[in-house]
N, C-alpha and C. Protein backbone atom coordinates (compact mmCIF):
# COMPACT_ATOMS: atom_id res chain seq x y z
N PRO A 1 0.82 -1.21 0.02
CA PRO A 1 -0.01 0.00 -0.01
C PRO A 1 0.85 1.26 0.02
N GLU A 2 0.23 2.35 -0.44
CA GLU A 2 0.98 3.61 -0.60
C GLU A 2 1.53 4.09 0.72
N GLY A 3 0.76 4.04 1.84
CA GLY A 3 1.29 4.47 3.13
C GLY A 3 2.48 3.68 3.54
N GLY A 4 2.46 2.33 3.29
CA GLY A 4 3.55 1.51 3.67
C GLY A 4 4.81 1.84 2.89
N ALA A 5 4.62 2.23 1.60
CA ALA A 5 5.77 2.59 0.77
C ALA A 5 6.43 3.86 1.28
N ARG A 6 5.65 4.75 1.81
CA ARG A 6 6.21 5.98 2.30
C ARG A 6 6.87 5.80 3.69
N GLY A 7 6.40 4.82 4.42
CA GLY A 7 6.88 4.65 5.76
C GLY A 7 5.93 5.24 6.73
N SER A 8 6.20 4.99 8.03
CA SER A 8 5.28 5.39 9.08
C SER A 8 6.05 5.88 10.29
N VAL A 9 5.30 6.32 11.28
CA VAL A 9 5.91 6.76 12.57
C VAL A 9 6.68 5.59 13.17
N LEU A 10 6.17 4.37 13.03
CA LEU A 10 6.87 3.23 13.61
C LEU A 10 8.26 3.08 12.98
N ASP A 11 8.39 3.38 11.70
CA ASP A 11 9.71 3.34 11.08
C ASP A 11 10.66 4.35 11.76
N LEU A 12 10.12 5.47 12.09
CA LEU A 12 10.91 6.51 12.77
C LEU A 12 11.35 6.00 14.18
N LEU A 13 10.41 5.37 14.87
CA LEU A 13 10.71 4.91 16.23
C LEU A 13 11.70 3.72 16.21
N ARG A 14 11.89 3.12 15.07
CA ARG A 14 12.85 2.01 14.94
C ARG A 14 14.28 2.53 14.66
N MET A 15 14.43 3.82 14.53
CA MET A 15 15.70 4.40 14.22
C MET A 15 16.49 4.76 15.50
N PRO A 16 17.52 3.97 15.85
CA PRO A 16 18.27 4.27 17.11
C PRO A 16 18.86 5.67 17.17
N ALA A 17 19.22 6.20 16.01
CA ALA A 17 19.81 7.55 16.00
C ALA A 17 18.87 8.63 16.53
N LEU A 18 17.55 8.37 16.45
CA LEU A 18 16.57 9.35 16.91
C LEU A 18 16.28 9.21 18.41
N TRP A 19 16.57 8.09 19.00
CA TRP A 19 16.15 7.86 20.41
C TRP A 19 16.72 8.90 21.37
N PRO A 20 18.03 9.18 21.37
CA PRO A 20 18.52 10.22 22.30
C PRO A 20 17.93 11.59 22.04
N VAL A 21 17.65 11.90 20.77
CA VAL A 21 17.07 13.20 20.45
C VAL A 21 15.64 13.23 21.03
N LEU A 22 14.87 12.19 20.89
CA LEU A 22 13.54 12.11 21.44
C LEU A 22 13.55 12.29 22.95
N VAL A 23 14.55 11.71 23.60
CA VAL A 23 14.64 11.90 25.06
C VAL A 23 14.90 13.33 25.39
N MET A 24 15.80 13.98 24.64
CA MET A 24 16.03 15.40 24.87
C MET A 24 14.79 16.24 24.60
N MET A 25 13.97 15.86 23.61
CA MET A 25 12.72 16.55 23.39
C MET A 25 11.81 16.50 24.59
N VAL A 26 11.81 15.38 25.26
CA VAL A 26 10.95 15.14 26.42
C VAL A 26 11.30 16.12 27.54
N VAL A 27 12.60 16.42 27.74
CA VAL A 27 13.06 17.17 28.91
C VAL A 27 13.40 18.58 28.62
N CYS A 28 13.67 18.98 27.38
CA CYS A 28 14.25 20.31 27.14
C CYS A 28 13.28 21.47 27.27
N TYR A 29 12.00 21.27 26.96
CA TYR A 29 11.04 22.34 26.93
C TYR A 29 10.21 22.41 28.20
N ALA A 30 10.06 21.35 28.87
CA ALA A 30 9.19 21.29 30.05
C ALA A 30 9.57 22.27 31.17
N PRO A 31 10.84 22.45 31.53
CA PRO A 31 11.14 23.33 32.61
C PRO A 31 10.75 24.80 32.33
N ALA A 32 11.18 25.32 31.24
CA ALA A 32 10.85 26.72 30.92
C ALA A 32 9.32 26.90 30.73
N ALA A 33 8.70 26.00 30.01
CA ALA A 33 7.23 26.12 29.78
C ALA A 33 6.48 25.96 31.05
N GLY A 34 6.85 25.00 31.87
CA GLY A 34 6.10 24.79 33.10
C GLY A 34 6.28 25.87 34.11
N LEU A 35 7.53 26.34 34.27
CA LEU A 35 7.75 27.40 35.31
C LEU A 35 7.10 28.70 34.85
N ARG A 36 7.28 29.07 33.59
CA ARG A 36 6.67 30.36 33.19
C ARG A 36 5.17 30.26 33.09
N GLY A 37 4.68 29.13 32.63
CA GLY A 37 3.23 29.01 32.38
C GLY A 37 2.44 28.70 33.65
N LEU A 38 3.06 28.11 34.65
CA LEU A 38 2.29 27.60 35.77
C LEU A 38 2.81 28.06 37.14
N TRP A 39 4.13 28.06 37.33
CA TRP A 39 4.64 28.14 38.67
C TRP A 39 5.27 29.44 39.09
N ILE A 40 5.69 30.25 38.15
CA ILE A 40 6.40 31.46 38.57
C ILE A 40 5.53 32.39 39.39
N GLY A 41 4.26 32.51 39.00
CA GLY A 41 3.33 33.41 39.73
C GLY A 41 3.11 32.90 41.18
N PRO A 42 2.67 31.68 41.35
CA PRO A 42 2.51 31.18 42.77
C PRO A 42 3.80 31.22 43.57
N TYR A 43 4.91 30.95 42.92
CA TYR A 43 6.20 31.02 43.65
C TYR A 43 6.43 32.40 44.23
N TYR A 44 6.31 33.42 43.42
CA TYR A 44 6.58 34.79 43.86
C TYR A 44 5.49 35.22 44.84
N THR A 45 4.28 34.74 44.69
CA THR A 45 3.24 35.09 45.62
C THR A 45 3.52 34.47 47.02
N ASP A 46 3.81 33.17 47.03
CA ASP A 46 3.94 32.45 48.29
C ASP A 46 5.24 32.78 48.99
N VAL A 47 6.32 32.96 48.24
CA VAL A 47 7.64 33.10 48.86
C VAL A 47 7.98 34.59 49.12
N PHE A 48 7.60 35.47 48.21
CA PHE A 48 7.95 36.86 48.33
C PHE A 48 6.78 37.84 48.52
N ALA A 49 5.55 37.25 48.56
CA ALA A 49 4.34 38.08 48.66
C ALA A 49 4.28 39.13 47.59
N ALA A 50 4.67 38.74 46.37
CA ALA A 50 4.70 39.72 45.24
C ALA A 50 3.33 40.11 44.81
N SER A 51 3.22 41.33 44.30
CA SER A 51 1.99 41.87 43.80
C SER A 51 1.71 41.33 42.39
N ALA A 52 0.53 41.56 41.89
CA ALA A 52 0.20 41.12 40.53
C ALA A 52 1.10 41.82 39.50
N ALA A 53 1.39 43.07 39.73
CA ALA A 53 2.27 43.81 38.79
C ALA A 53 3.68 43.20 38.83
N GLN A 54 4.18 42.85 39.96
CA GLN A 54 5.52 42.27 40.06
C GLN A 54 5.55 40.91 39.41
N ILE A 55 4.54 40.15 39.60
CA ILE A 55 4.47 38.82 38.96
C ILE A 55 4.40 39.01 37.41
N GLY A 56 3.61 39.93 36.96
CA GLY A 56 3.55 40.24 35.53
C GLY A 56 4.88 40.58 34.96
N ALA A 57 5.63 41.43 35.74
CA ALA A 57 6.96 41.79 35.26
C ALA A 57 7.89 40.59 35.21
N ALA A 58 7.79 39.71 36.18
CA ALA A 58 8.66 38.56 36.26
C ALA A 58 8.35 37.63 35.06
N THR A 59 7.11 37.39 34.78
CA THR A 59 6.74 36.50 33.64
C THR A 59 7.14 37.14 32.34
N LEU A 60 7.07 38.48 32.24
CA LEU A 60 7.51 39.15 31.02
C LEU A 60 9.00 39.00 30.84
N VAL A 61 9.76 39.15 31.89
CA VAL A 61 11.23 39.03 31.78
C VAL A 61 11.56 37.62 31.34
N MET A 62 10.96 36.61 31.93
CA MET A 62 11.21 35.25 31.57
C MET A 62 10.79 34.97 30.10
N GLY A 63 9.65 35.49 29.72
CA GLY A 63 9.18 35.31 28.38
C GLY A 63 10.11 35.97 27.33
N LEU A 64 10.56 37.17 27.62
CA LEU A 64 11.53 37.83 26.73
C LEU A 64 12.85 37.06 26.61
N ALA A 65 13.26 36.48 27.76
CA ALA A 65 14.50 35.65 27.76
C ALA A 65 14.29 34.45 26.85
N MET A 66 13.09 33.86 26.86
CA MET A 66 12.85 32.71 25.99
C MET A 66 12.90 33.09 24.55
N VAL A 67 12.35 34.26 24.21
CA VAL A 67 12.41 34.76 22.84
C VAL A 67 13.86 35.00 22.46
N ALA A 68 14.60 35.66 23.31
CA ALA A 68 16.01 35.96 23.04
C ALA A 68 16.79 34.62 22.85
N GLY A 69 16.44 33.65 23.66
CA GLY A 69 17.09 32.36 23.52
C GLY A 69 16.89 31.71 22.16
N ASN A 70 15.69 31.83 21.63
CA ASN A 70 15.42 31.27 20.28
C ASN A 70 16.33 31.93 19.25
N PHE A 71 16.51 33.24 19.33
CA PHE A 71 17.37 33.93 18.40
C PHE A 71 18.85 33.57 18.62
N ALA A 72 19.22 33.44 19.90
CA ALA A 72 20.62 33.17 20.25
C ALA A 72 21.05 31.74 19.76
N TYR A 73 20.14 30.79 19.96
CA TYR A 73 20.52 29.42 19.55
C TYR A 73 20.66 29.28 18.03
N GLY A 74 19.87 30.07 17.30
CA GLY A 74 19.81 29.88 15.83
C GLY A 74 21.13 29.69 15.12
N PRO A 75 22.07 30.67 15.23
CA PRO A 75 23.34 30.54 14.46
C PRO A 75 24.44 29.80 15.13
N LEU A 76 24.22 29.38 16.37
CA LEU A 76 25.35 28.87 17.15
C LEU A 76 25.92 27.51 16.60
N ASP A 77 25.01 26.64 16.10
CA ASP A 77 25.48 25.35 15.62
C ASP A 77 26.45 25.53 14.46
N ARG A 78 26.14 26.43 13.57
CA ARG A 78 27.02 26.65 12.41
C ARG A 78 28.31 27.44 12.85
N ALA A 79 28.14 28.38 13.76
CA ALA A 79 29.32 29.14 14.23
C ALA A 79 30.28 28.26 14.97
N LEU A 80 29.79 27.31 15.76
CA LEU A 80 30.63 26.48 16.59
C LEU A 80 30.90 25.09 15.95
N GLY A 81 30.21 24.79 14.87
CA GLY A 81 30.44 23.52 14.20
C GLY A 81 29.87 22.31 14.88
N THR A 82 28.95 22.48 15.83
CA THR A 82 28.34 21.38 16.54
C THR A 82 26.91 21.75 16.96
N ARG A 83 25.97 20.93 16.61
CA ARG A 83 24.61 21.11 17.09
C ARG A 83 24.38 20.43 18.44
N LYS A 84 24.96 19.24 18.54
CA LYS A 84 24.84 18.50 19.80
C LYS A 84 25.49 19.29 20.96
N GLY A 85 26.67 19.82 20.70
CA GLY A 85 27.36 20.57 21.79
C GLY A 85 26.64 21.76 22.28
N VAL A 86 25.99 22.49 21.34
CA VAL A 86 25.24 23.65 21.70
C VAL A 86 23.99 23.27 22.51
N ILE A 87 23.27 22.23 22.10
CA ILE A 87 22.10 21.79 22.82
C ILE A 87 22.48 21.24 24.21
N LEU A 88 23.53 20.48 24.26
CA LEU A 88 23.92 19.87 25.53
C LEU A 88 24.40 20.97 26.51
N GLY A 89 25.22 21.93 26.00
CA GLY A 89 25.71 23.02 26.83
C GLY A 89 24.62 23.88 27.38
N GLY A 90 23.63 24.17 26.47
CA GLY A 90 22.51 25.06 26.89
C GLY A 90 21.64 24.42 27.92
N ASN A 91 21.37 23.12 27.77
CA ASN A 91 20.51 22.44 28.72
C ASN A 91 21.19 22.16 30.05
N LEU A 92 22.55 21.95 30.00
CA LEU A 92 23.25 21.89 31.27
C LEU A 92 23.26 23.23 32.05
N ALA A 93 23.31 24.31 31.24
CA ALA A 93 23.21 25.62 31.88
C ALA A 93 21.84 25.82 32.49
N THR A 94 20.75 25.34 31.80
CA THR A 94 19.45 25.39 32.35
C THR A 94 19.36 24.60 33.64
N ALA A 95 19.94 23.43 33.67
CA ALA A 95 19.93 22.61 34.88
C ALA A 95 20.67 23.26 36.01
N ALA A 96 21.77 23.99 35.68
CA ALA A 96 22.51 24.73 36.73
C ALA A 96 21.63 25.81 37.36
N CYS A 97 20.89 26.54 36.54
CA CYS A 97 19.94 27.56 37.05
C CYS A 97 18.90 26.92 37.95
N LEU A 98 18.37 25.80 37.50
CA LEU A 98 17.34 25.09 38.30
C LEU A 98 17.95 24.64 39.67
N LEU A 99 19.16 24.13 39.63
CA LEU A 99 19.79 23.67 40.88
C LEU A 99 20.06 24.87 41.81
N ALA A 100 20.40 26.02 41.21
CA ALA A 100 20.64 27.19 42.05
C ALA A 100 19.30 27.64 42.67
N LEU A 101 18.24 27.59 41.96
CA LEU A 101 16.92 27.92 42.53
C LEU A 101 16.51 26.93 43.63
N TRP A 102 16.84 25.65 43.42
CA TRP A 102 16.58 24.66 44.44
C TRP A 102 17.39 24.94 45.70
N ALA A 103 18.69 25.26 45.51
CA ALA A 103 19.55 25.48 46.69
C ALA A 103 19.28 26.80 47.39
N PHE A 104 18.88 27.80 46.58
CA PHE A 104 18.64 29.18 47.18
C PHE A 104 17.30 29.73 46.75
N PRO A 105 16.24 29.06 47.17
CA PRO A 105 14.92 29.49 46.69
C PRO A 105 14.42 30.84 47.27
N THR A 106 15.14 31.33 48.30
CA THR A 106 14.78 32.67 48.89
C THR A 106 15.89 33.63 48.63
N ALA A 107 16.60 33.51 47.50
CA ALA A 107 17.80 34.36 47.23
C ALA A 107 17.44 35.81 46.95
N GLY A 108 16.18 36.19 46.97
CA GLY A 108 15.82 37.55 46.69
C GLY A 108 15.17 37.66 45.34
N GLY A 109 14.31 38.70 45.17
CA GLY A 109 13.58 38.88 43.97
C GLY A 109 14.42 38.96 42.73
N LEU A 110 15.46 39.82 42.77
CA LEU A 110 16.30 40.00 41.59
C LEU A 110 17.16 38.77 41.30
N GLY A 111 17.69 38.21 42.37
CA GLY A 111 18.49 37.00 42.19
C GLY A 111 17.72 35.84 41.58
N THR A 112 16.57 35.61 42.10
CA THR A 112 15.74 34.49 41.53
C THR A 112 15.27 34.81 40.15
N LEU A 113 14.92 36.09 39.90
CA LEU A 113 14.49 36.51 38.60
C LEU A 113 15.58 36.28 37.54
N ALA A 114 16.82 36.56 37.90
CA ALA A 114 17.95 36.32 37.02
C ALA A 114 18.07 34.83 36.66
N LEU A 115 17.80 33.97 37.65
CA LEU A 115 17.83 32.54 37.38
C LEU A 115 16.71 32.06 36.54
N PHE A 116 15.47 32.64 36.74
CA PHE A 116 14.36 32.34 35.86
C PHE A 116 14.66 32.81 34.40
N ALA A 117 15.27 33.98 34.31
CA ALA A 117 15.64 34.43 32.96
C ALA A 117 16.66 33.54 32.33
N GLY A 118 17.58 33.00 33.14
CA GLY A 118 18.58 32.04 32.60
C GLY A 118 17.91 30.79 32.14
N ILE A 119 16.87 30.31 32.89
CA ILE A 119 16.14 29.14 32.45
C ILE A 119 15.41 29.44 31.11
N GLY A 120 14.84 30.62 30.98
CA GLY A 120 14.15 30.97 29.76
C GLY A 120 15.17 31.05 28.56
N LEU A 121 16.30 31.69 28.83
CA LEU A 121 17.34 31.87 27.76
C LEU A 121 17.95 30.54 27.33
N PHE A 122 18.48 29.80 28.30
CA PHE A 122 19.17 28.56 27.95
C PHE A 122 18.21 27.44 27.66
N GLY A 123 16.98 27.54 28.12
CA GLY A 123 15.98 26.47 27.95
C GLY A 123 15.23 26.62 26.62
N ALA A 124 15.71 27.47 25.73
CA ALA A 124 14.97 27.71 24.44
C ALA A 124 15.56 26.89 23.33
N SER A 125 16.07 25.68 23.65
CA SER A 125 16.72 24.85 22.66
C SER A 125 15.75 24.06 21.79
N PHE A 126 14.46 24.14 22.09
CA PHE A 126 13.42 23.32 21.44
C PHE A 126 13.57 23.31 19.88
N PRO A 127 13.66 24.49 19.21
CA PRO A 127 13.76 24.41 17.74
C PRO A 127 15.06 23.76 17.27
N MET A 128 16.14 23.94 18.04
CA MET A 128 17.39 23.31 17.58
C MET A 128 17.37 21.81 17.79
N VAL A 129 16.71 21.34 18.84
CA VAL A 129 16.56 19.92 19.04
C VAL A 129 15.74 19.28 17.91
N ILE A 130 14.68 20.00 17.51
CA ILE A 130 13.92 19.54 16.37
C ILE A 130 14.77 19.47 15.11
N ALA A 131 15.57 20.53 14.90
CA ALA A 131 16.52 20.54 13.77
C ALA A 131 17.46 19.35 13.81
N HIS A 132 17.95 19.03 14.99
CA HIS A 132 18.85 17.92 15.15
C HIS A 132 18.15 16.61 14.77
N GLY A 133 16.91 16.44 15.26
CA GLY A 133 16.16 15.24 14.93
C GLY A 133 15.85 15.13 13.43
N ARG A 134 15.46 16.28 12.82
CA ARG A 134 15.18 16.29 11.39
C ARG A 134 16.34 15.78 10.56
N ALA A 135 17.54 16.00 11.04
CA ALA A 135 18.71 15.61 10.26
C ALA A 135 18.80 14.10 10.07
N PHE A 136 18.08 13.29 10.95
CA PHE A 136 18.11 11.86 10.81
C PHE A 136 16.89 11.27 10.09
N VAL A 137 15.95 12.17 9.76
CA VAL A 137 14.67 11.68 9.19
C VAL A 137 14.78 11.65 7.65
N PRO A 138 14.41 10.57 7.04
CA PRO A 138 14.42 10.53 5.58
C PRO A 138 13.42 11.52 4.99
N PRO A 139 13.71 12.03 3.81
CA PRO A 139 12.85 13.09 3.21
C PRO A 139 11.38 12.65 3.12
N GLN A 140 11.12 11.38 2.79
CA GLN A 140 9.74 10.96 2.62
C GLN A 140 8.98 10.88 3.96
N LEU A 141 9.70 10.95 5.06
CA LEU A 141 9.11 10.91 6.41
C LEU A 141 9.22 12.19 7.16
N MET A 142 9.64 13.29 6.48
CA MET A 142 9.93 14.52 7.17
C MET A 142 8.69 15.08 7.91
N GLY A 143 7.51 15.05 7.29
CA GLY A 143 6.32 15.56 7.95
C GLY A 143 6.04 14.79 9.23
N ARG A 144 6.07 13.45 9.11
CA ARG A 144 5.83 12.63 10.30
C ARG A 144 6.89 12.80 11.30
N GLY A 145 8.11 12.98 10.90
CA GLY A 145 9.24 13.15 11.83
C GLY A 145 9.10 14.40 12.67
N VAL A 146 8.79 15.54 12.04
CA VAL A 146 8.62 16.79 12.76
C VAL A 146 7.46 16.68 13.68
N THR A 147 6.33 16.05 13.24
CA THR A 147 5.20 15.85 14.13
C THR A 147 5.56 14.99 15.32
N LEU A 148 6.30 13.97 15.10
CA LEU A 148 6.72 13.07 16.24
C LEU A 148 7.55 13.86 17.21
N LEU A 149 8.52 14.60 16.74
CA LEU A 149 9.36 15.42 17.63
C LEU A 149 8.58 16.41 18.42
N ASN A 150 7.70 17.13 17.75
CA ASN A 150 6.82 18.06 18.46
C ASN A 150 5.92 17.34 19.51
N PHE A 151 5.45 16.18 19.15
CA PHE A 151 4.58 15.39 20.08
C PHE A 151 5.33 15.11 21.34
N PHE A 152 6.56 14.61 21.21
CA PHE A 152 7.32 14.28 22.40
C PHE A 152 7.60 15.53 23.25
N GLY A 153 7.97 16.66 22.59
CA GLY A 153 8.27 17.85 23.35
C GLY A 153 7.05 18.48 24.01
N LEU A 154 5.99 18.72 23.25
CA LEU A 154 4.83 19.38 23.79
C LEU A 154 4.04 18.45 24.69
N GLY A 155 3.98 17.17 24.34
CA GLY A 155 3.23 16.23 25.19
C GLY A 155 3.93 16.14 26.56
N ALA A 156 5.25 16.06 26.56
CA ALA A 156 5.97 15.96 27.83
C ALA A 156 5.78 17.23 28.68
N ALA A 157 5.75 18.38 28.01
CA ALA A 157 5.52 19.64 28.81
C ALA A 157 4.15 19.60 29.43
N GLY A 158 3.13 19.11 28.76
CA GLY A 158 1.78 18.99 29.36
C GLY A 158 1.77 17.99 30.46
N ILE A 159 2.40 16.82 30.33
CA ILE A 159 2.45 15.85 31.38
C ILE A 159 3.18 16.39 32.62
N ALA A 160 4.26 17.15 32.33
CA ALA A 160 5.05 17.71 33.45
C ALA A 160 4.22 18.66 34.32
N GLN A 161 3.30 19.35 33.73
CA GLN A 161 2.47 20.24 34.54
C GLN A 161 1.60 19.44 35.50
N PHE A 162 1.08 18.30 35.02
CA PHE A 162 0.31 17.44 35.96
C PHE A 162 1.24 16.83 37.03
N VAL A 163 2.39 16.33 36.64
CA VAL A 163 3.29 15.72 37.60
C VAL A 163 3.76 16.73 38.64
N THR A 164 4.12 17.92 38.20
CA THR A 164 4.61 18.95 39.14
C THR A 164 3.49 19.37 40.09
N GLY A 165 2.30 19.34 39.63
CA GLY A 165 1.16 19.65 40.54
C GLY A 165 1.11 18.65 41.68
N ARG A 166 1.33 17.36 41.35
CA ARG A 166 1.31 16.34 42.39
C ARG A 166 2.53 16.54 43.34
N ILE A 167 3.66 16.89 42.78
CA ILE A 167 4.86 17.09 43.59
C ILE A 167 4.65 18.24 44.54
N HIS A 168 4.11 19.34 44.01
CA HIS A 168 3.84 20.50 44.84
C HIS A 168 2.90 20.17 45.97
N HIS A 169 1.87 19.40 45.70
CA HIS A 169 0.87 19.03 46.70
C HIS A 169 1.49 18.10 47.75
N ALA A 170 2.39 17.19 47.33
CA ALA A 170 2.93 16.23 48.26
C ALA A 170 4.06 16.80 49.12
N ALA A 171 4.72 17.88 48.66
CA ALA A 171 5.84 18.42 49.42
C ALA A 171 5.39 19.11 50.67
N PRO A 172 6.28 19.26 51.66
CA PRO A 172 5.92 20.05 52.89
C PRO A 172 5.51 21.42 52.51
N SER A 173 4.49 21.96 53.23
CA SER A 173 4.01 23.28 52.93
C SER A 173 4.75 24.40 53.64
N THR A 174 5.56 23.98 54.60
CA THR A 174 6.38 24.97 55.35
C THR A 174 7.85 24.52 55.38
N PRO A 175 8.79 25.42 55.17
CA PRO A 175 8.57 26.82 54.86
C PRO A 175 7.93 27.00 53.47
N PRO A 176 7.43 28.21 53.15
CA PRO A 176 6.67 28.37 51.94
C PRO A 176 7.46 28.02 50.64
N GLU A 177 8.76 28.13 50.72
CA GLU A 177 9.54 27.85 49.50
C GLU A 177 9.79 26.36 49.27
N ALA A 178 9.44 25.52 50.29
CA ALA A 178 9.74 24.09 50.15
C ALA A 178 9.11 23.38 49.00
N PRO A 179 7.77 23.57 48.70
CA PRO A 179 7.19 22.94 47.53
C PRO A 179 7.84 23.34 46.21
N TYR A 180 8.25 24.61 46.16
CA TYR A 180 8.86 25.09 44.91
C TYR A 180 10.26 24.56 44.72
N ALA A 181 11.00 24.44 45.82
CA ALA A 181 12.32 23.84 45.78
C ALA A 181 12.20 22.40 45.28
N ALA A 182 11.19 21.70 45.63
CA ALA A 182 10.98 20.33 45.17
C ALA A 182 10.70 20.35 43.63
N LEU A 183 9.98 21.33 43.14
CA LEU A 183 9.75 21.41 41.70
C LEU A 183 11.01 21.71 40.96
N PHE A 184 11.81 22.64 41.45
CA PHE A 184 13.07 23.01 40.81
C PHE A 184 14.03 21.77 40.74
N LEU A 185 14.05 21.01 41.83
CA LEU A 185 14.91 19.80 41.85
C LEU A 185 14.37 18.77 40.87
N PHE A 186 13.05 18.61 40.82
CA PHE A 186 12.49 17.62 39.80
C PHE A 186 12.87 17.99 38.44
N PHE A 187 12.67 19.25 38.05
CA PHE A 187 13.01 19.66 36.66
C PHE A 187 14.53 19.50 36.41
N ALA A 188 15.37 19.84 37.40
CA ALA A 188 16.81 19.71 37.18
C ALA A 188 17.23 18.31 37.03
N LEU A 189 16.70 17.40 37.86
CA LEU A 189 17.13 15.98 37.71
C LEU A 189 16.64 15.36 36.42
N ALA A 190 15.39 15.71 36.06
CA ALA A 190 14.90 15.22 34.76
C ALA A 190 15.77 15.67 33.59
N LEU A 191 16.13 16.92 33.65
CA LEU A 191 16.95 17.53 32.59
C LEU A 191 18.33 16.89 32.55
N LEU A 192 18.94 16.72 33.72
CA LEU A 192 20.27 16.06 33.81
C LEU A 192 20.22 14.63 33.29
N ALA A 193 19.14 13.90 33.60
CA ALA A 193 19.01 12.56 33.10
C ALA A 193 18.86 12.57 31.56
N GLY A 194 18.07 13.48 31.06
CA GLY A 194 17.98 13.63 29.59
C GLY A 194 19.24 13.96 28.90
N CYS A 195 20.05 14.84 29.57
CA CYS A 195 21.37 15.21 28.99
C CYS A 195 22.28 13.98 28.98
N ALA A 196 22.22 13.19 30.02
CA ALA A 196 23.07 11.96 30.07
C ALA A 196 22.76 11.05 28.91
N VAL A 197 21.47 10.87 28.56
CA VAL A 197 21.10 10.04 27.43
C VAL A 197 21.50 10.76 26.13
N TYR A 198 21.25 12.01 26.02
CA TYR A 198 21.49 12.78 24.83
C TYR A 198 23.00 12.83 24.51
N ALA A 199 23.84 12.68 25.49
CA ALA A 199 25.28 12.70 25.27
C ALA A 199 25.73 11.59 24.34
N PHE A 200 24.92 10.55 24.13
CA PHE A 200 25.23 9.52 23.25
C PHE A 200 24.73 9.73 21.80
N ALA A 201 24.04 10.84 21.58
CA ALA A 201 23.52 11.18 20.25
C ALA A 201 24.60 11.42 19.25
N GLN A 202 24.33 11.11 18.02
CA GLN A 202 25.26 11.46 16.94
C GLN A 202 25.09 12.96 16.63
N ASP A 203 26.21 13.64 16.39
CA ASP A 203 26.13 15.05 16.06
C ASP A 203 25.84 15.21 14.57
N ARG A 204 24.93 16.12 14.26
CA ARG A 204 24.64 16.42 12.88
C ARG A 204 24.33 17.94 12.78
N THR A 205 24.92 18.60 11.79
CA THR A 205 24.65 19.98 11.57
C THR A 205 23.97 20.25 10.22
N ASP A 206 23.75 19.17 9.42
CA ASP A 206 23.15 19.30 8.09
C ASP A 206 21.64 19.31 8.19
């Protein structure tokens, strides 16, 4: 049949070269998306008693950092001659920011905001990870390949919001920063585990 001749998503999932990239897709977008979309407001409210205007400013700063990160990542693989190295370095930097928030969750409004901005900036590797995955996909499967990569990234970000809600609920409620420290540690460990798997990926810049 025609569909079989073109190949399927199962053919993509049988490609070992894609597996580390798919793992990175699972972990690379969830921290920035989850923190900015769900947790940054409650964190500043509960820990710093921030006003609505202050929370709005914090989410704006993180959002702008994410936009800047998309532009910053764009030319780096060609400039440095490695796509894998750029992705790995950026996500390790994101994990470092998360670990700093975990270790110092009451470091002050400006200090924590700088770390959130770092997560937004360094955590914007999503398009480059997709580009890395596309490099392994045959031309006749390109549409399915991009869809699969997006599914892993966006689906994991959605699941992470549910999981972090459970973590926040299960963590001690006092001191007020404790539930958020648990979230930061969860995101950091997940990202570090993903980086460990992704370290075995083949590098491709084409």
